[in-house]
Amino acid sequence: MKIGETIKKLRKAKGISQMELADRIGITYQQLQKYEKGKSKITIERLIDIAKALDVPVSVFFHEVYEKERKFYSEDEVILIELYRKLSDAELKKALLKIMKELSSK
């Protein structure tokens, strides 16, 4: 998956519009569209801004590049981790972990 596609997938998974993400990082939504479609190159500084705005590690954009050298989380795994971290109730976290363990053992 290309970086622009990853940006789009993460943005949509978090329920953020192009306009909102563009505002968060100080660009036009048209420029963000160009990034997502791969029509404009993205500087590392801008990519860091995007990662911060999406509340993900910048490494998620390089998953395929470094996949053989290091273990990185998939985009879905990152989303699951972020959602889990947002849970404030310890009992709810335990229950969710129990469900995930049961599902993964089948």
PDB file of N, CA and C in Angstrom:
ATOM      1  N   MET A   1       0.851  -1.180   0.000  1.00  0.00           N
ATOM      2  CA  MET A   1       0.000   0.000   0.000  1.00  0.00           C
ATOM      3  C   MET A   1       0.896   1.242   0.000  1.00  0.00           C
ATOM      4  N   LYS A   2       0.535   2.201  -0.798  1.00  0.00           N
ATOM      5  CA  LYS A   2       1.293   3.448  -0.875  1.00  0.00           C
ATOM      6  C   LYS A   2       0.949   4.352   0.306  1.00  0.00           C
ATOM      7  N   ILE A   3       1.841   5.299   0.561  1.00  0.00           N
ATOM      8  CA  ILE A   3       1.659   6.206   1.696  1.00  0.00           C
ATOM      9  C   ILE A   3       0.334   6.956   1.608  1.00  0.00           C
ATOM     10  N   GLY A   4      -0.003   7.482   0.450  1.00  0.00           N
ATOM     11  CA  GLY A   4      -1.256   8.215   0.289  1.00  0.00           C
ATOM     12  C   GLY A   4      -2.476   7.352   0.593  1.00  0.00           C
ATOM     13  N   GLU A   5      -2.420   6.101   0.143  1.00  0.00           N
ATOM     14  CA  GLU A   5      -3.524   5.182   0.422  1.00  0.00           C
ATOM     15  C   GLU A   5      -3.640   4.906   1.916  1.00  0.00           C
ATOM     16  N   THR A   6      -2.490   4.806   2.582  1.00  0.00           N
ATOM     17  CA  THR A   6      -2.482   4.569   4.026  1.00  0.00           C
ATOM     18  C   THR A   6      -3.084   5.765   4.757  1.00  0.00           C
ATOM     19  N   ILE A   7      -2.722   6.967   4.335  1.00  0.00           N
ATOM     20  CA  ILE A   7      -3.288   8.177   4.939  1.00  0.00           C
ATOM     21  C   ILE A   7      -4.811   8.145   4.822  1.00  0.00           C
ATOM     22  N   LYS A   8      -5.287   7.868   3.629  1.00  0.00           N
ATOM     23  CA  LYS A   8      -6.734   7.844   3.385  1.00  0.00           C
ATOM     24  C   LYS A   8      -7.426   6.781   4.239  1.00  0.00           C
ATOM     25  N   LYS A   9      -6.844   5.591   4.298  1.00  0.00           N
ATOM     26  CA  LYS A   9      -7.441   4.502   5.071  1.00  0.00           C
ATOM     27  C   LYS A   9      -7.505   4.856   6.555  1.00  0.00           C
ATOM     28  N   LEU A  10      -6.428   5.391   7.105  1.00  0.00           N
ATOM     29  CA  LEU A  10      -6.408   5.764   8.514  1.00  0.00           C
ATOM     30  C   LEU A  10      -7.374   6.911   8.796  1.00  0.00           C
ATOM     31  N   ARG A  11      -7.380   7.896   7.903  1.00  0.00           N
ATOM     32  CA  ARG A  11      -8.273   9.046   8.073  1.00  0.00           C
ATOM     33  C   ARG A  11      -9.730   8.583   8.124  1.00  0.00           C
ATOM     34  N   LYS A  12     -10.108   7.729   7.191  1.00  0.00           N
ATOM     35  CA  LYS A  12     -11.486   7.247   7.146  1.00  0.00           C
ATOM     36  C   LYS A  12     -11.809   6.378   8.354  1.00  0.00           C
ATOM     37  N   ALA A  13     -10.861   5.546   8.771  1.00  0.00           N
ATOM     38  CA  ALA A  13     -11.088   4.675   9.924  1.00  0.00           C
ATOM     39  C   ALA A  13     -11.322   5.486  11.189  1.00  0.00           C
ATOM     40  N   LYS A  14     -10.731   6.658  11.254  1.00  0.00           N
ATOM     41  CA  LYS A  14     -10.891   7.520  12.427  1.00  0.00           C
ATOM     42  C   LYS A  14     -12.051   8.496  12.273  1.00  0.00           C
ATOM     43  N   GLY A  15     -12.762   8.415  11.129  1.00  0.00           N
ATOM     44  CA  GLY A  15     -13.942   9.251  10.917  1.00  0.00           C
ATOM     45  C   GLY A  15     -13.614  10.717  10.703  1.00  0.00           C
ATOM     46  N   ILE A  16     -12.470  10.984  10.085  1.00  0.00           N
ATOM     47  CA  ILE A  16     -12.022  12.362   9.861  1.00  0.00           C
ATOM     48  C   ILE A  16     -12.171  12.692   8.376  1.00  0.00           C
ATOM     49  N   SER A  17     -12.773  13.824   8.067  1.00  0.00           N
ATOM     50  CA  SER A  17     -12.927  14.244   6.670  1.00  0.00           C
ATOM     51  C   SER A  17     -11.607  14.796   6.142  1.00  0.00           C
ATOM     52  N   GLN A  18     -11.512  14.903   4.833  1.00  0.00           N
ATOM     53  CA  GLN A  18     -10.320  15.515   4.233  1.00  0.00           C
ATOM     54  C   GLN A  18     -10.167  16.952   4.713  1.00  0.00           C
ATOM     55  N   MET A  19     -11.270  17.662   4.779  1.00  0.00           N
ATOM     56  CA  MET A  19     -11.252  19.060   5.206  1.00  0.00           C
ATOM     57  C   MET A  19     -10.713  19.174   6.633  1.00  0.00           C
ATOM     58  N   GLU A  20     -11.192  18.314   7.522  1.00  0.00           N
ATOM     59  CA  GLU A  20     -10.760  18.366   8.919  1.00  0.00           C
ATOM     60  C   GLU A  20      -9.275  18.049   9.063  1.00  0.00           C
ATOM     61  N   LEU A  21      -8.814  17.001   8.381  1.00  0.00           N
ATOM     62  CA  LEU A  21      -7.395  16.654   8.471  1.00  0.00           C
ATOM     63  C   LEU A  21      -6.533  17.755   7.866  1.00  0.00           C
ATOM     64  N   ALA A  22      -6.963  18.296   6.753  1.00  0.00           N
ATOM     65  CA  ALA A  22      -6.224  19.386   6.119  1.00  0.00           C
ATOM     66  C   ALA A  22      -6.112  20.583   7.065  1.00  0.00           C
ATOM     67  N   ASP A  23      -7.205  20.918   7.723  1.00  0.00           N
ATOM     68  CA  ASP A  23      -7.191  22.019   8.696  1.00  0.00           C
ATOM     69  C   ASP A  23      -6.218  21.741   9.834  1.00  0.00           C
ATOM     70  N   ARG A  24      -6.211  20.504  10.316  1.00  0.00           N
ATOM     71  CA  ARG A  24      -5.328  20.133  11.429  1.00  0.00           C
ATOM     72  C   ARG A  24      -3.851  20.309  11.089  1.00  0.00           C
ATOM     73  N   ILE A  25      -3.511  20.096   9.817  1.00  0.00           N
ATOM     74  CA  ILE A  25      -2.096  20.175   9.446  1.00  0.00           C
ATOM     75  C   ILE A  25      -1.747  21.445   8.661  1.00  0.00           C
ATOM     76  N   GLY A  26      -2.749  22.300   8.469  1.00  0.00           N
ATOM     77  CA  GLY A  26      -2.480  23.599   7.859  1.00  0.00           C
ATOM     78  C   GLY A  26      -2.295  23.613   6.354  1.00  0.00           C
ATOM     79  N   ILE A  27      -3.049  22.750   5.662  1.00  0.00           N
ATOM     80  CA  ILE A  27      -3.013  22.756   4.199  1.00  0.00           C
ATOM     81  C   ILE A  27      -4.440  22.775   3.674  1.00  0.00           C
ATOM     82  N   THR A  28      -4.601  22.890   2.364  1.00  0.00           N
ATOM     83  CA  THR A  28      -5.936  22.843   1.765  1.00  0.00           C
ATOM     84  C   THR A  28      -6.357  21.387   1.608  1.00  0.00           C
ATOM     85  N   TYR A  29      -7.664  21.163   1.534  1.00  0.00           N
ATOM     86  CA  TYR A  29      -8.114  19.795   1.330  1.00  0.00           C
ATOM     87  C   TYR A  29      -7.716  19.296  -0.054  1.00  0.00           C
ATOM     88  N   GLN A  30      -7.556  20.230  -1.008  1.00  0.00           N
ATOM     89  CA  GLN A  30      -7.124  19.833  -2.346  1.00  0.00           C
ATOM     90  C   GLN A  30      -5.711  19.249  -2.308  1.00  0.00           C
ATOM     91  N   GLN A  31      -4.850  19.853  -1.482  1.00  0.00           N
ATOM     92  CA  GLN A  31      -3.491  19.339  -1.353  1.00  0.00           C
ATOM     93  C   GLN A  31      -3.511  17.962  -0.699  1.00  0.00           C
ATOM     94  N   LEU A  32      -4.360  17.793   0.290  1.00  0.00           N
ATOM     95  CA  LEU A  32      -4.483  16.484   0.943  1.00  0.00           C
ATOM     96  C   LEU A  32      -4.972  15.440  -0.063  1.00  0.00           C
ATOM     97  N   GLN A  33      -5.914  15.830  -0.915  1.00  0.00           N
ATOM     98  CA  GLN A  33      -6.388  14.925  -1.970  1.00  0.00           C
ATOM     99  C   GLN A  33      -5.225  14.473  -2.846  1.00  0.00           C
ATOM    100  N   LYS A  34      -4.357  15.402  -3.199  1.00  0.00           N
ATOM    101  CA  LYS A  34      -3.193  15.069  -4.028  1.00  0.00           C
ATOM    102  C   LYS A  34      -2.270  14.092  -3.312  1.00  0.00           C
ATOM    103  N   TYR A  35      -2.082  14.265  -2.000  1.00  0.00           N
ATOM    104  CA  TYR A  35      -1.264  13.325  -1.226  1.00  0.00           C
ATOM    105  C   TYR A  35      -1.902  11.939  -1.248  1.00  0.00           C
ATOM    106  N   GLU A  36      -3.210  11.896  -0.973  1.00  0.00           N
ATOM    107  CA  GLU A  36      -3.892  10.610  -0.892  1.00  0.00           C
ATOM    108  C   GLU A  36      -3.920   9.885  -2.233  1.00  0.00           C
ATOM    109  N   LYS A  37      -3.986  10.623  -3.317  1.00  0.00           N
ATOM    110  CA  LYS A  37      -4.022  10.009  -4.648  1.00  0.00           C
ATOM    111  C   LYS A  37      -2.626   9.759  -5.214  1.00  0.00           C
ATOM    112  N   GLY A  38      -1.594  10.197  -4.482  1.00  0.00           N
ATOM    113  CA  GLY A  38      -0.222   9.995  -4.947  1.00  0.00           C
ATOM    114  C   GLY A  38       0.196  10.946  -6.042  1.00  0.00           C
ATOM    115  N   LYS A  39      -0.495  12.076  -6.168  1.00  0.00           N
ATOM    116  CA  LYS A  39      -0.176  13.047  -7.213  1.00  0.00           C
ATOM    117  C   LYS A  39       0.806  14.105  -6.748  1.00  0.00           C
ATOM    118  N   SER A  40       1.061  14.173  -5.431  1.00  0.00           N
ATOM    119  CA  SER A  40       2.050  15.096  -4.856  1.00  0.00           C
ATOM    120  C   SER A  40       2.916  14.317  -3.890  1.00  0.00           C
ATOM    121  N   LYS A  41       4.201  14.647  -3.915  1.00  0.00           N
ATOM    122  CA  LYS A  41       5.115  14.026  -2.958  1.00  0.00           C
ATOM    123  C   LYS A  41       4.921  14.668  -1.594  1.00  0.00           C
ATOM    124  N   ILE A  42       5.155  13.868  -0.550  1.00  0.00           N
ATOM    125  CA  ILE A  42       4.977  14.337   0.821  1.00  0.00           C
ATOM    126  C   ILE A  42       6.342  14.405   1.493  1.00  0.00           C
ATOM    127  N   THR A  43       6.643  15.550   2.062  1.00  0.00           N
ATOM    128  CA  THR A  43       7.901  15.662   2.803  1.00  0.00           C
ATOM    129  C   THR A  43       7.778  14.897   4.114  1.00  0.00           C
ATOM    130  N   ILE A  44       8.894  14.516   4.680  1.00  0.00           N
ATOM    131  CA  ILE A  44       8.862  13.801   5.957  1.00  0.00           C
ATOM    132  C   ILE A  44       8.271  14.682   7.050  1.00  0.00           C
ATOM    133  N   GLU A  45       8.534  15.981   6.982  1.00  0.00           N
ATOM    134  CA  GLU A  45       7.959  16.899   7.973  1.00  0.00           C
ATOM    135  C   GLU A  45       6.435  16.891   7.901  1.00  0.00           C
ATOM    136  N   ARG A  46       5.896  16.906   6.692  1.00  0.00           N
ATOM    137  CA  ARG A  46       4.441  16.888   6.508  1.00  0.00           C
ATOM    138  C   ARG A  46       3.876  15.541   6.958  1.00  0.00           C
ATOM    139  N   LEU A  47       4.600  14.470   6.675  1.00  0.00           N
ATOM    140  CA  LEU A  47       4.148  13.150   7.081  1.00  0.00           C
ATOM    141  C   LEU A  47       4.099  13.036   8.607  1.00  0.00           C
ATOM    142  N   ILE A  48       5.048  13.644   9.274  1.00  0.00           N
ATOM    143  CA  ILE A  48       5.040  13.676  10.740  1.00  0.00           C
ATOM    144  C   ILE A  48       3.819  14.448  11.234  1.00  0.00           C
ATOM    145  N   ASP A  49       3.511  15.573  10.585  1.00  0.00           N
ATOM    146  CA  ASP A  49       2.317  16.348  10.942  1.00  0.00           C
ATOM    147  C   ASP A  49       1.048  15.511  10.780  1.00  0.00           C
ATOM    148  N   ILE A  50       0.983  14.765   9.681  1.00  0.00           N
ATOM    149  CA  ILE A  50      -0.188  13.929   9.409  1.00  0.00           C
ATOM    150  C   ILE A  50      -0.305  12.829  10.465  1.00  0.00           C
ATOM    151  N   ALA A  51       0.820  12.202  10.792  1.00  0.00           N
ATOM    152  CA  ALA A  51       0.817  11.146  11.807  1.00  0.00           C
ATOM    153  C   ALA A  51       0.324  11.693  13.146  1.00  0.00           C
ATOM    154  N   LYS A  52       0.797  12.870  13.530  1.00  0.00           N
ATOM    155  CA  LYS A  52       0.354  13.486  14.785  1.00  0.00           C
ATOM    156  C   LYS A  52      -1.141  13.792  14.742  1.00  0.00           C
ATOM    157  N   ALA A  53      -1.604  14.327  13.622  1.00  0.00           N
ATOM    158  CA  ALA A  53      -3.021  14.681  13.490  1.00  0.00           C
ATOM    159  C   ALA A  53      -3.914  13.439  13.525  1.00  0.00           C
ATOM    160  N   LEU A  54      -3.400  12.317  13.031  1.00  0.00           N
ATOM    161  CA  LEU A  54      -4.167  11.071  13.043  1.00  0.00           C
ATOM    162  C   LEU A  54      -3.907  10.249  14.304  1.00  0.00           C
ATOM    163  N   ASP A  55      -3.000  10.732  15.126  1.00  0.00           N
ATOM    164  CA  ASP A  55      -2.648  10.066  16.386  1.00  0.00           C
ATOM    165  C   ASP A  55      -2.154   8.636  16.144  1.00  0.00           C
ATOM    166  N   VAL A  56      -1.214   8.509  15.198  1.00  0.00           N
ATOM    167  CA  VAL A  56      -0.580   7.221  14.898  1.00  0.00           C
ATOM    168  C   VAL A  56       0.924   7.431  14.810  1.00  0.00           C
ATOM    169  N   PRO A  57       1.706   6.379  14.995  1.00  0.00           N
ATOM    170  CA  PRO A  57       3.150   6.526  14.817  1.00  0.00           C
ATOM    171  C   PRO A  57       3.480   6.693  13.335  1.00  0.00           C
ATOM    172  N   VAL A  58       4.470   7.477  13.037  1.00  0.00           N
ATOM    173  CA  VAL A  58       4.835   7.727  11.640  1.00  0.00           C
ATOM    174  C   VAL A  58       5.272   6.435  10.948  1.00  0.00           C
ATOM    175  N   SER A  59       5.688   5.457  11.713  1.00  0.00           N
ATOM    176  CA  SER A  59       6.142   4.186  11.141  1.00  0.00           C
ATOM    177  C   SER A  59       5.048   3.450  10.369  1.00  0.00           C
ATOM    178  N   VAL A  60       3.773   3.724  10.650  1.00  0.00           N
ATOM    179  CA  VAL A  60       2.702   3.016   9.931  1.00  0.00           C
ATOM    180  C   VAL A  60       2.739   3.305   8.435  1.00  0.00           C
ATOM    181  N   PHE A  61       3.312   4.430   8.061  1.00  0.00           N
ATOM    182  CA  PHE A  61       3.377   4.784   6.642  1.00  0.00           C
ATOM    183  C   PHE A  61       4.489   4.038   5.908  1.00  0.00           C
ATOM    184  N   PHE A  62       5.368   3.403   6.654  1.00  0.00           N
ATOM    185  CA  PHE A  62       6.510   2.709   6.054  1.00  0.00           C
ATOM    186  C   PHE A  62       6.438   1.205   6.275  1.00  0.00           C
ATOM    187  N   HIS A  63       5.273   0.726   6.606  1.00  0.00           N
ATOM    188  CA  HIS A  63       5.078  -0.685   6.937  1.00  0.00           C
ATOM    189  C   HIS A  63       5.687  -1.609   5.879  1.00  0.00           C
ATOM    190  N   GLU A  64       5.314  -1.443   4.630  1.00  0.00           N
ATOM    191  CA  GLU A  64       5.777  -2.341   3.575  1.00  0.00           C
ATOM    192  C   GLU A  64       7.268  -2.183   3.302  1.00  0.00           C
ATOM    193  N   VAL A  65       7.776  -0.983   3.454  1.00  0.00           N
ATOM    194  CA  VAL A  65       9.193  -0.728   3.167  1.00  0.00           C
ATOM    195  C   VAL A  65      10.088  -1.508   4.119  1.00  0.00           C
ATOM    196  N   TYR A  66       9.721  -1.529   5.383  1.00  0.00           N
ATOM    197  CA  TYR A  66      10.558  -2.150   6.400  1.00  0.00           C
ATOM    198  C   TYR A  66      10.044  -3.492   6.897  1.00  0.00           C
ATOM    199  N   GLU A  67       9.041  -4.016   6.258  1.00  0.00           N
ATOM    200  CA  GLU A  67       8.388  -5.225   6.733  1.00  0.00           C
ATOM    201  C   GLU A  67       9.365  -6.377   6.947  1.00  0.00           C
ATOM    202  N   LYS A  68      10.341  -6.535   6.067  1.00  0.00           N
ATOM    203  CA  LYS A  68      11.266  -7.650   6.171  1.00  0.00           C
ATOM    204  C   LYS A  68      12.316  -7.429   7.260  1.00  0.00           C
ATOM    205  N   GLU A  69      12.626  -6.171   7.549  1.00  0.00           N
ATOM    206  CA  GLU A  69      13.680  -5.868   8.511  1.00  0.00           C
ATOM    207  C   GLU A  69      13.180  -5.780   9.944  1.00  0.00           C
ATOM    208  N   ARG A  70      11.996  -5.260  10.156  1.00  0.00           N
ATOM    209  CA  ARG A  70      11.450  -5.054  11.490  1.00  0.00           C
ATOM    210  C   ARG A  70       9.973  -5.399  11.491  1.00  0.00           C
ATOM    211  N   LYS A  71       9.465  -5.680  12.669  1.00  0.00           N
ATOM    212  CA  LYS A  71       8.039  -5.959  12.778  1.00  0.00           C
ATOM    213  C   LYS A  71       7.292  -4.674  13.092  1.00  0.00           C
ATOM    214  N   PHE A  72       6.372  -4.313  12.198  1.00  0.00           N
ATOM    215  CA  PHE A  72       5.521  -3.147  12.408  1.00  0.00           C
ATOM    216  C   PHE A  72       4.084  -3.615  12.463  1.00  0.00           C
ATOM    217  N   TYR A  73       3.261  -2.818  13.077  1.00  0.00           N
ATOM    218  CA  TYR A  73       1.849  -3.136  13.147  1.00  0.00           C
ATOM    219  C   TYR A  73       1.154  -2.748  11.851  1.00  0.00           C
ATOM    220  N   SER A  74       0.150  -3.530  11.478  1.00  0.00           N
ATOM    221  CA  SER A  74      -0.672  -3.169  10.324  1.00  0.00           C
ATOM    222  C   SER A  74      -1.535  -1.974  10.717  1.00  0.00           C
ATOM    223  N   GLU A  75      -2.164  -1.374   9.737  1.00  0.00           N
ATOM    224  CA  GLU A  75      -3.031  -0.232  10.015  1.00  0.00           C
ATOM    225  C   GLU A  75      -4.181  -0.630  10.939  1.00  0.00           C
ATOM    226  N   ASP A  76      -4.746  -1.830  10.708  1.00  0.00           N
ATOM    227  CA  ASP A  76      -5.845  -2.304  11.550  1.00  0.00           C
ATOM    228  C   ASP A  76      -5.379  -2.522  12.989  1.00  0.00           C
ATOM    229  N   GLU A  77      -4.165  -3.053  13.151  1.00  0.00           N
ATOM    230  CA  GLU A  77      -3.633  -3.262  14.493  1.00  0.00           C
ATOM    231  C   GLU A  77      -3.426  -1.929  15.219  1.00  0.00           C
ATOM    232  N   VAL A  78      -2.949  -0.947  14.485  1.00  0.00           N
ATOM    233  CA  VAL A  78      -2.746   0.384  15.072  1.00  0.00           C
ATOM    234  C   VAL A  78      -4.078   0.950  15.538  1.00  0.00           C
ATOM    235  N   ILE A  79      -5.105   0.810  14.731  1.00  0.00           N
ATOM    236  CA  ILE A  79      -6.426   1.322  15.090  1.00  0.00           C
ATOM    237  C   ILE A  79      -6.951   0.605  16.333  1.00  0.00           C
ATOM    238  N   LEU A  80      -6.792  -0.727  16.381  1.00  0.00           N
ATOM    239  CA  LEU A  80      -7.234  -1.477  17.560  1.00  0.00           C
ATOM    240  C   LEU A  80      -6.510  -1.019  18.825  1.00  0.00           C
ATOM    241  N   ILE A  81      -5.211  -0.814  18.724  1.00  0.00           N
ATOM    242  CA  ILE A  81      -4.426  -0.355  19.875  1.00  0.00           C
ATOM    243  C   ILE A  81      -4.890   1.020  20.324  1.00  0.00           C
ATOM    244  N   GLU A  82      -5.077   1.926  19.373  1.00  0.00           N
ATOM    245  CA  GLU A  82      -5.499   3.282  19.718  1.00  0.00           C
ATOM    246  C   GLU A  82      -6.875   3.285  20.378  1.00  0.00           C
ATOM    247  N   LEU A  83      -7.784   2.480  19.847  1.00  0.00           N
ATOM    248  CA  LEU A  83      -9.123   2.405  20.439  1.00  0.00           C
ATOM    249  C   LEU A  83      -9.063   1.790  21.836  1.00  0.00           C
ATOM    250  N   TYR A  84      -8.247   0.764  22.009  1.00  0.00           N
ATOM    251  CA  TYR A  84      -8.092   0.139  23.323  1.00  0.00           C
ATOM    252  C   TYR A  84      -7.548   1.145  24.339  1.00  0.00           C
ATOM    253  N   ARG A  85      -6.571   1.933  23.922  1.00  0.00           N
ATOM    254  CA  ARG A  85      -5.971   2.924  24.820  1.00  0.00           C
ATOM    255  C   ARG A  85      -6.959   4.002  25.242  1.00  0.00           C
ATOM    256  N   LYS A  86      -7.974   4.245  24.438  1.00  0.00           N
ATOM    257  CA  LYS A  86      -8.960   5.273  24.763  1.00  0.00           C
ATOM    258  C   LYS A  86      -9.960   4.804  25.815  1.00  0.00           C
ATOM    259  N   LEU A  87     -10.025   3.487  26.029  1.00  0.00           N
ATOM    260  CA  LEU A  87     -10.934   2.964  27.053  1.00  0.00           C
ATOM    261  C   LEU A  87     -10.395   3.330  28.427  1.00  0.00           C
ATOM    262  N   SER A  88     -11.236   3.918  29.257  1.00  0.00           N
ATOM    263  CA  SER A  88     -10.780   4.327  30.584  1.00  0.00           C
ATOM    264  C   SER A  88     -11.164   3.316  31.669  1.00  0.00           C
ATOM    265  N   ASP A  89     -12.138   2.489  31.397  1.00  0.00           N
ATOM    266  CA  ASP A  89     -12.622   1.528  32.379  1.00  0.00           C
ATOM    267  C   ASP A  89     -11.760   0.256  32.345  1.00  0.00           C
ATOM    268  N   ALA A  90     -11.071  -0.040  33.452  1.00  0.00           N
ATOM    269  CA  ALA A  90     -10.170  -1.196  33.533  1.00  0.00           C
ATOM    270  C   ALA A  90     -10.921  -2.518  33.353  1.00  0.00           C
ATOM    271  N   GLU A  91     -12.115  -2.605  33.884  1.00  0.00           N
ATOM    272  CA  GLU A  91     -12.911  -3.836  33.759  1.00  0.00           C
ATOM    273  C   GLU A  91     -13.321  -4.072  32.308  1.00  0.00           C
ATOM    274  N   LEU A  92     -13.663  -2.998  31.631  1.00  0.00           N
ATOM    275  CA  LEU A  92     -14.022  -3.093  30.215  1.00  0.00           C
ATOM    276  C   LEU A  92     -12.820  -3.568  29.395  1.00  0.00           C
ATOM    277  N   LYS A  93     -11.635  -3.057  29.716  1.00  0.00           N
ATOM    278  CA  LYS A  93     -10.421  -3.494  29.031  1.00  0.00           C
ATOM    279  C   LYS A  93     -10.187  -4.994  29.244  1.00  0.00           C
ATOM    280  N   LYS A  94     -10.365  -5.462  30.490  1.00  0.00           N
ATOM    281  CA  LYS A  94     -10.184  -6.882  30.800  1.00  0.00           C
ATOM    282  C   LYS A  94     -11.172  -7.739  30.009  1.00  0.00           C
ATOM    283  N   ALA A  95     -12.416  -7.277  29.954  1.00  0.00           N
ATOM    284  CA  ALA A  95     -13.449  -8.022  29.224  1.00  0.00           C
ATOM    285  C   ALA A  95     -13.119  -8.101  27.742  1.00  0.00           C
ATOM    286  N   LEU A  96     -12.661  -6.995  27.194  1.00  0.00           N
ATOM    287  CA  LEU A  96     -12.296  -6.962  25.776  1.00  0.00           C
ATOM    288  C   LEU A  96     -11.125  -7.906  25.498  1.00  0.00           C
ATOM    289  N   LEU A  97     -10.130  -7.899  26.361  1.00  0.00           N
ATOM    290  CA  LEU A  97      -8.990  -8.804  26.196  1.00  0.00           C
ATOM    291  C   LEU A  97      -9.425 -10.265  26.264  1.00  0.00           C
ATOM    292  N   LYS A  98     -10.341 -10.572  27.183  1.00  0.00           N
ATOM    293  CA  LYS A  98     -10.853 -11.937  27.309  1.00  0.00           C
ATOM    294  C   LYS A  98     -11.532 -12.387  26.019  1.00  0.00           C
ATOM    295  N   ILE A  99     -12.353 -11.489  25.462  1.00  0.00           N
ATOM    296  CA  ILE A  99     -13.051 -11.799  24.196  1.00  0.00           C
ATOM    297  C   ILE A  99     -12.036 -12.036  23.073  1.00  0.00           C
ATOM    298  N   MET A 100     -11.051 -11.161  22.974  1.00  0.00           N
ATOM    299  CA  MET A 100     -10.031 -11.280  21.912  1.00  0.00           C
ATOM    300  C   MET A 100      -9.248 -12.587  22.063  1.00  0.00           C
ATOM    301  N   LYS A 101      -8.907 -12.962  23.306  1.00  0.00           N
ATOM    302  CA  LYS A 101      -8.184 -14.223  23.535  1.00  0.00           C
ATOM    303  C   LYS A 101      -9.031 -15.415  23.124  1.00  0.00           C
ATOM    304  N   GLU A 102     -10.316 -15.378  23.460  1.00  0.00           N
ATOM    305  CA  GLU A 102     -11.210 -16.469  23.092  1.00  0.00           C
ATOM    306  C   GLU A 102     -11.363 -16.579  21.583  1.00  0.00           C
ATOM    307  N   LEU A 103     -11.509 -15.435  20.920  1.00  0.00           N
ATOM    308  CA  LEU A 103     -11.657 -15.454  19.472  1.00  0.00           C
ATOM    309  C   LEU A 103     -10.389 -15.950  18.769  1.00  0.00           C
ATOM    310  N   SER A 104      -9.237 -15.545  19.295  1.00  0.00           N
ATOM    311  CA  SER A 104      -7.986 -15.924  18.638  1.00  0.00           C
ATOM    312  C   SER A 104      -7.611 -17.387  18.856  1.00  0.00           C
ATOM    313  N   SER A 105      -8.203 -18.027  19.858  1.00  0.00           N
ATOM    314  CA  SER A 105      -7.892 -19.426  20.128  1.00  0.00           C
ATOM    315  C   SER A 105      -8.702 -20.388  19.253  1.00  0.00           C
ATOM    316  N   LYS A 106      -9.671 -19.845  18.528  1.00  0.00           N
ATOM    317  CA  LYS A 106     -10.537 -20.684  17.686  1.00  0.00           C
ATOM    318  C   LYS A 106     -10.010 -20.801  16.284  1.00  0.00           C
TER     319      LYS A 106
END
